[in-house]
Amino acid sequence: MRALHLLLGGVALLLAVLGVLLPLVPATPFALLASWSFARSSPRLAAWIQRLPCIGPALADWNLHHGIRRRTRCVAWLGLALGVTISLVCGDFAPMQVAAVCCGAALGALIVARLPLLETTHG
């Protein structure tokens, strides 16, 4: 079972990195999955992923408080809007494809909107 969790964590981490680099590919769910998998297979990798500056704080917020910060929500929405805009401007899509991209983006924005916000004084 440990090997399966290691493999799942590695694949999820790779997908999270791709999600940071590619528009419309989510990074956060894969980062959460990688963190969960590594916590069950390798304390060293679990600690390492928690220390990553780009996702460590968000993982800690989720693991400790089951919520996200307002700034994280805004960055997610901005990234989603930017990814959709770049995709639609640079791509040659049929009307149904444009509708599918917009529906997917709306669903992603709704999911982010429904995540609990952490009440903090510094956002």
Protein backbone atom coordinates (compact mmCIF):
# COMPACT_ATOMS: atom_id res chain seq x y z
CA MET A 1 0.00 0.00 0.00
CA ARG A 2 2.92 2.35 0.73
CA ALA A 3 4.20 1.99 -2.84
CA LEU A 4 0.74 2.78 -4.23
CA HIS A 5 0.52 5.94 -2.12
CA LEU A 6 4.02 6.97 -3.23
CA LEU A 7 3.10 6.46 -6.87
CA LEU A 8 -0.21 8.31 -6.47
CA GLY A 9 1.57 11.18 -4.68
CA GLY A 10 4.20 11.44 -7.40
CA VAL A 11 1.66 11.48 -10.21
CA ALA A 12 -0.52 13.99 -8.34
CA LEU A 13 2.49 16.25 -7.72
CA LEU A 14 3.40 16.12 -11.42
CA LEU A 15 -0.18 17.05 -12.33
CA ALA A 16 -0.12 19.89 -9.78
CA VAL A 17 3.05 21.29 -11.39
CA LEU A 18 1.40 21.04 -14.80
CA GLY A 19 -1.61 22.81 -13.33
CA VAL A 20 0.58 25.74 -12.33
CA LEU A 21 2.04 25.96 -15.83
CA LEU A 22 -0.99 25.24 -18.04
CA PRO A 23 -4.20 27.22 -18.22
CA LEU A 24 -7.40 25.40 -17.26
CA VAL A 25 -5.56 22.56 -15.49
CA PRO A 26 -6.24 22.77 -11.75
CA ALA A 27 -3.23 22.62 -9.45
CA THR A 28 -4.81 22.70 -6.00
CA PRO A 29 -6.74 19.40 -6.05
CA PHE A 30 -3.65 17.57 -7.25
CA ALA A 31 -1.48 19.27 -4.61
CA LEU A 32 -3.96 18.22 -1.92
CA LEU A 33 -3.96 14.66 -3.26
CA ALA A 34 -0.15 14.59 -3.32
CA SER A 35 -0.02 15.87 0.25
CA TRP A 36 -2.53 13.26 1.40
CA SER A 37 -0.71 10.45 -0.42
CA PHE A 38 2.71 11.43 0.89
CA ALA A 39 1.35 11.70 4.44
CA ARG A 40 0.41 8.01 4.18
CA SER A 41 3.62 6.82 2.55
CA SER A 42 6.61 9.04 3.33
CA PRO A 43 6.94 11.47 6.25
CA ARG A 44 9.95 13.00 4.50
CA LEU A 45 8.03 13.76 1.29
CA ALA A 46 5.00 14.94 3.27
CA ALA A 47 7.18 17.44 5.14
CA TRP A 48 8.88 18.49 1.92
CA ILE A 49 5.62 19.27 0.09
CA GLN A 50 4.38 21.22 3.12
CA ARG A 51 7.53 23.38 2.95
CA LEU A 52 7.17 24.31 -0.73
CA PRO A 53 6.66 28.08 -0.84
CA CYS A 54 4.15 27.98 -3.70
CA ILE A 55 1.69 25.50 -2.15
CA GLY A 56 2.84 24.83 1.41
CA PRO A 57 0.88 27.67 3.05
CA ALA A 58 -2.35 26.76 1.22
CA LEU A 59 -1.92 23.10 2.16
CA ALA A 60 -1.36 24.06 5.78
CA ASP A 61 -4.51 26.23 5.75
CA TRP A 62 -6.54 23.36 4.34
CA ASN A 63 -5.06 20.67 6.59
CA LEU A 64 -5.36 22.71 9.79
CA HIS A 65 -8.51 24.75 9.21
CA HIS A 66 -10.29 23.20 6.18
CA GLY A 67 -10.47 26.54 4.40
CA ILE A 68 -8.66 28.98 2.13
CA ARG A 69 -7.62 32.59 2.51
CA ARG A 70 -9.41 35.37 0.65
CA ARG A 71 -6.20 36.10 -1.31
CA THR A 72 -5.98 32.45 -2.39
CA ARG A 73 -9.57 32.61 -3.65
CA CYS A 74 -8.88 35.80 -5.60
CA VAL A 75 -5.70 34.37 -7.13
CA ALA A 76 -7.62 31.23 -8.15
CA TRP A 77 -10.33 33.28 -9.83
CA LEU A 78 -7.78 35.53 -11.53
CA GLY A 79 -5.82 32.53 -12.81
CA LEU A 80 -9.00 30.91 -14.07
CA ALA A 81 -10.10 34.08 -15.88
CA LEU A 82 -6.64 34.59 -17.35
CA GLY A 83 -6.42 30.96 -18.50
CA VAL A 84 -9.83 31.08 -20.16
CA THR A 85 -9.09 34.42 -21.81
CA ILE A 86 -5.73 33.28 -23.19
CA SER A 87 -7.22 30.00 -24.39
CA LEU A 88 -10.13 31.67 -26.17
CA VAL A 89 -8.00 34.46 -27.70
CA CYS A 90 -5.22 32.15 -28.89
CA GLY A 91 -7.33 29.15 -29.84
CA ASP A 92 -9.53 28.50 -32.84
CA PHE A 93 -12.61 27.03 -31.18
CA ALA A 94 -16.00 26.08 -32.54
CA PRO A 95 -18.94 27.65 -30.70
CA MET A 96 -19.66 24.44 -28.78
CA GLN A 97 -16.04 24.28 -27.64
CA VAL A 98 -16.22 27.89 -26.44
CA ALA A 99 -19.40 27.01 -24.53
CA ALA A 100 -17.71 23.96 -22.98
CA VAL A 101 -14.68 26.01 -21.88
CA CYS A 102 -16.94 28.71 -20.39
CA CYS A 103 -19.11 26.13 -18.60
CA GLY A 104 -16.01 24.42 -17.19
CA ALA A 105 -14.63 27.76 -16.03
CA ALA A 106 -17.96 28.68 -14.43
CA LEU A 107 -18.02 25.35 -12.61
CA GLY A 108 -14.45 25.88 -11.40
CA ALA A 109 -15.28 29.40 -10.20
CA LEU A 110 -18.33 28.07 -8.36
CA ILE A 111 -16.29 25.36 -6.64
CA VAL A 112 -13.73 27.96 -5.51
CA ALA A 113 -16.55 30.23 -4.32
CA ARG A 114 -17.98 27.45 -2.16
CA LEU A 115 -14.71 26.68 -0.36
CA PRO A 116 -14.81 27.98 3.22
CA LEU A 117 -12.92 31.20 3.84
CA LEU A 118 -10.56 31.54 6.76
CA GLU A 119 -11.26 34.52 8.95
CA THR A 120 -7.93 36.30 9.25
CA THR A 121 -6.85 39.86 9.75
CA HIS A 122 -4.28 39.68 6.96
CA GLY A 123 -6.37 38.15 4.16
